[in-house]
N, C-alpha and C. Protein backbone atom coordinates (compact mmCIF):
# COMPACT_ATOMS: atom_id res chain seq x y z
N UNK A 1 123.46 67.16 -1.27
CA UNK A 1 124.50 67.92 -0.61
C UNK A 1 124.19 69.42 -0.61
N UNK A 2 123.52 69.89 -1.65
CA UNK A 2 123.20 71.31 -1.72
C UNK A 2 122.29 71.75 -0.58
N UNK A 3 121.37 70.87 -0.15
CA UNK A 3 120.49 71.24 0.96
C UNK A 3 121.27 71.36 2.27
N UNK A 4 122.32 70.54 2.42
CA UNK A 4 123.18 70.62 3.61
C UNK A 4 123.85 71.99 3.68
N UNK A 5 124.43 72.42 2.56
CA UNK A 5 125.11 73.71 2.54
C UNK A 5 124.11 74.86 2.65
N UNK A 6 122.92 74.69 2.10
CA UNK A 6 121.88 75.72 2.24
C UNK A 6 121.46 75.85 3.71
N UNK A 7 121.41 74.73 4.41
CA UNK A 7 121.08 74.76 5.84
C UNK A 7 122.16 75.50 6.62
N UNK A 8 123.43 75.26 6.28
CA UNK A 8 124.52 75.96 6.96
C UNK A 8 124.43 77.46 6.73
N UNK A 9 124.06 77.85 5.52
CA UNK A 9 123.92 79.28 5.23
C UNK A 9 122.75 79.90 5.99
N UNK A 10 121.77 79.08 6.37
CA UNK A 10 120.60 79.58 7.09
C UNK A 10 120.88 79.95 8.54
N UNK A 11 121.97 79.43 9.11
CA UNK A 11 122.33 79.78 10.48
C UNK A 11 122.85 81.20 10.53
N UNK A 12 122.74 81.82 11.69
CA UNK A 12 123.23 83.20 11.86
C UNK A 12 124.74 83.29 11.86
N UNK A 13 125.42 82.20 12.14
CA UNK A 13 126.88 82.23 12.33
C UNK A 13 127.61 82.39 11.01
N UNK A 14 128.45 83.39 10.93
CA UNK A 14 129.32 83.66 9.78
C UNK A 14 130.71 83.96 10.31
N UNK A 15 131.68 83.83 9.44
CA UNK A 15 133.04 84.24 9.83
C UNK A 15 133.01 85.74 10.08
N UNK A 16 133.69 86.15 11.13
CA UNK A 16 133.65 87.55 11.52
C UNK A 16 134.40 88.46 10.58
N UNK A 17 133.93 89.68 10.46
CA UNK A 17 134.66 90.64 9.63
C UNK A 17 135.99 91.04 10.27
N UNK A 18 136.10 90.89 11.59
CA UNK A 18 137.36 91.20 12.28
C UNK A 18 138.16 89.91 12.41
N UNK A 19 138.82 89.50 11.35
CA UNK A 19 139.52 88.22 11.41
C UNK A 19 141.02 88.40 11.27
N UNK A 20 141.74 87.50 11.94
CA UNK A 20 143.19 87.45 11.80
C UNK A 20 143.56 86.30 10.86
N UNK A 21 142.96 85.14 11.09
CA UNK A 21 143.24 83.98 10.24
C UNK A 21 141.96 83.51 9.57
N UNK A 22 141.24 82.61 10.22
CA UNK A 22 140.06 82.04 9.60
C UNK A 22 138.77 82.78 9.88
N UNK A 23 138.75 83.65 10.87
CA UNK A 23 137.56 84.41 11.19
C UNK A 23 136.60 83.72 12.12
N UNK A 24 136.97 82.54 12.61
CA UNK A 24 136.06 81.79 13.48
C UNK A 24 135.86 82.51 14.81
N UNK A 25 136.93 82.96 15.44
CA UNK A 25 136.81 83.67 16.71
C UNK A 25 136.04 84.98 16.53
N UNK A 26 136.27 85.66 15.41
CA UNK A 26 135.53 86.89 15.14
C UNK A 26 134.04 86.64 14.97
N UNK A 27 133.70 85.54 14.30
CA UNK A 27 132.29 85.18 14.14
C UNK A 27 131.65 84.80 15.46
N UNK A 28 132.38 84.05 16.28
CA UNK A 28 131.85 83.68 17.59
C UNK A 28 131.68 84.91 18.48
N UNK A 29 132.63 85.85 18.39
CA UNK A 29 132.54 87.07 19.18
C UNK A 29 131.32 87.89 18.75
N UNK A 30 131.09 87.97 17.46
CA UNK A 30 129.94 88.72 16.97
C UNK A 30 128.63 88.06 17.39
N UNK A 31 128.60 86.74 17.35
CA UNK A 31 127.39 86.00 17.72
C UNK A 31 127.07 86.11 19.21
N UNK A 32 128.12 86.04 20.05
CA UNK A 32 127.91 86.05 21.49
C UNK A 32 127.95 87.44 22.11
N UNK A 33 128.50 88.40 21.40
CA UNK A 33 128.60 89.75 21.93
C UNK A 33 129.84 89.99 22.78
N UNK A 34 130.74 89.00 22.83
CA UNK A 34 131.99 89.16 23.58
C UNK A 34 133.00 89.95 22.77
N UNK A 35 133.99 90.49 23.45
CA UNK A 35 135.10 91.16 22.79
C UNK A 35 135.85 90.14 21.93
N UNK A 36 136.27 90.55 20.74
CA UNK A 36 136.91 89.63 19.82
C UNK A 36 138.23 89.08 20.37
N UNK A 37 138.96 89.88 21.14
CA UNK A 37 140.23 89.40 21.69
C UNK A 37 140.02 88.38 22.80
N UNK A 38 138.97 88.54 23.57
CA UNK A 38 138.64 87.54 24.60
C UNK A 38 138.28 86.22 23.91
N UNK A 39 137.49 86.29 22.85
CA UNK A 39 137.11 85.08 22.13
C UNK A 39 138.34 84.42 21.50
N UNK A 40 139.26 85.20 20.99
CA UNK A 40 140.49 84.63 20.42
C UNK A 40 141.29 83.89 21.48
N UNK A 41 141.35 84.46 22.68
CA UNK A 41 142.05 83.78 23.77
C UNK A 41 141.35 82.48 24.16
N UNK A 42 140.02 82.49 24.16
CA UNK A 42 139.27 81.27 24.46
C UNK A 42 139.49 80.19 23.40
N UNK A 43 139.53 80.60 22.15
CA UNK A 43 139.78 79.64 21.06
C UNK A 43 141.19 79.08 21.19
N UNK A 44 142.16 79.93 21.46
CA UNK A 44 143.54 79.44 21.65
C UNK A 44 143.62 78.50 22.85
N UNK A 45 142.91 78.82 23.91
CA UNK A 45 142.90 77.94 25.08
C UNK A 45 142.29 76.58 24.75
N UNK A 46 141.32 76.56 23.84
CA UNK A 46 140.71 75.27 23.46
C UNK A 46 141.71 74.38 22.73
N UNK A 47 142.73 74.96 22.14
CA UNK A 47 143.75 74.17 21.45
C UNK A 47 144.57 73.33 22.43
N UNK A 48 144.51 73.65 23.72
CA UNK A 48 145.22 72.86 24.72
C UNK A 48 144.53 71.52 24.97
N UNK A 49 143.26 71.41 24.60
CA UNK A 49 142.55 70.14 24.73
C UNK A 49 143.06 69.18 23.65
N UNK A 50 143.42 67.96 24.02
CA UNK A 50 143.97 67.04 23.03
C UNK A 50 142.97 66.76 21.92
N UNK A 51 143.37 66.97 20.71
CA UNK A 51 142.64 66.71 19.47
C UNK A 51 141.35 67.53 19.36
N UNK A 52 140.59 67.63 20.42
CA UNK A 52 139.28 68.27 20.35
C UNK A 52 139.37 69.73 19.90
N UNK A 53 140.25 70.51 20.48
CA UNK A 53 140.33 71.93 20.15
C UNK A 53 140.69 72.17 18.70
N UNK A 54 141.77 71.58 18.23
CA UNK A 54 142.21 71.78 16.85
C UNK A 54 141.24 71.11 15.88
N UNK A 55 140.78 69.91 16.22
CA UNK A 55 139.85 69.19 15.35
C UNK A 55 138.53 69.93 15.19
N UNK A 56 138.01 70.44 16.29
CA UNK A 56 136.76 71.21 16.24
C UNK A 56 136.94 72.49 15.44
N UNK A 57 138.09 73.16 15.62
CA UNK A 57 138.35 74.39 14.88
C UNK A 57 138.40 74.10 13.38
N UNK A 58 139.10 73.03 12.99
CA UNK A 58 139.18 72.69 11.56
C UNK A 58 137.81 72.36 10.98
N UNK A 59 137.01 71.61 11.74
CA UNK A 59 135.66 71.27 11.26
C UNK A 59 134.81 72.54 11.09
N UNK A 60 134.87 73.43 12.07
CA UNK A 60 134.11 74.68 11.98
C UNK A 60 134.64 75.53 10.84
N UNK A 61 135.95 75.53 10.64
CA UNK A 61 136.54 76.32 9.56
C UNK A 61 136.05 75.82 8.19
N UNK A 62 135.95 74.51 8.03
CA UNK A 62 135.49 73.95 6.76
C UNK A 62 134.01 74.21 6.50
N UNK A 63 133.20 74.31 7.56
CA UNK A 63 131.75 74.38 7.41
C UNK A 63 131.14 75.76 7.60
N UNK A 64 131.92 76.72 8.06
CA UNK A 64 131.38 78.05 8.34
C UNK A 64 131.42 78.93 7.09
N UNK A 65 130.27 79.53 6.75
CA UNK A 65 130.24 80.41 5.57
C UNK A 65 131.04 81.69 5.80
N UNK A 66 131.63 82.18 4.70
CA UNK A 66 132.26 83.49 4.71
C UNK A 66 131.15 84.53 4.72
N UNK A 67 131.49 85.79 4.81
CA UNK A 67 130.50 86.86 4.82
C UNK A 67 129.67 86.88 3.54
N UNK A 68 130.24 86.43 2.42
CA UNK A 68 129.51 86.41 1.15
C UNK A 68 128.68 85.13 0.95
N UNK A 69 128.72 84.21 1.93
CA UNK A 69 127.91 82.99 1.87
C UNK A 69 128.61 81.77 1.30
N UNK A 70 129.84 81.91 0.81
CA UNK A 70 130.56 80.75 0.29
C UNK A 70 131.11 79.92 1.44
N UNK A 71 131.15 78.60 1.24
CA UNK A 71 131.60 77.66 2.27
C UNK A 71 132.83 76.93 1.74
N UNK A 72 133.95 76.90 2.50
CA UNK A 72 135.17 76.27 2.00
C UNK A 72 134.99 74.81 1.59
N UNK A 73 134.28 74.00 2.35
CA UNK A 73 134.10 72.60 1.99
C UNK A 73 133.33 72.46 0.68
N UNK A 74 132.35 73.29 0.49
CA UNK A 74 131.57 73.26 -0.75
C UNK A 74 132.46 73.60 -1.95
N UNK A 75 133.33 74.59 -1.78
CA UNK A 75 134.25 74.95 -2.87
C UNK A 75 135.22 73.83 -3.16
N UNK A 76 135.70 73.15 -2.10
CA UNK A 76 136.61 72.01 -2.31
C UNK A 76 135.92 70.88 -3.05
N UNK A 77 134.69 70.58 -2.70
CA UNK A 77 133.96 69.50 -3.35
C UNK A 77 133.59 69.85 -4.78
N UNK A 78 133.34 71.11 -5.08
CA UNK A 78 133.02 71.53 -6.44
C UNK A 78 134.21 71.42 -7.39
N UNK A 79 135.41 71.54 -6.85
CA UNK A 79 136.62 71.43 -7.67
C UNK A 79 136.86 69.99 -8.12
N UNK A 80 136.42 69.02 -7.29
CA UNK A 80 136.70 67.61 -7.54
C UNK A 80 135.83 66.98 -8.51
């Protein structure tokens, strides 16, 4: 499992420093170069898709490293 989380840390994608909630839209905006508010609107629009928008957001939220490299799913599994 450690190699899985190490692989996730190897990707360029991190939660954005300009975050309101989880930082996913901020990270996507930083990665793509789009304005953070445009990306937030796109993420909110994806929530209109049945199950896919919210489910994908939750999966990305669990697997995306914070700026310091910690991953929420890894922290949850370490507690158990």
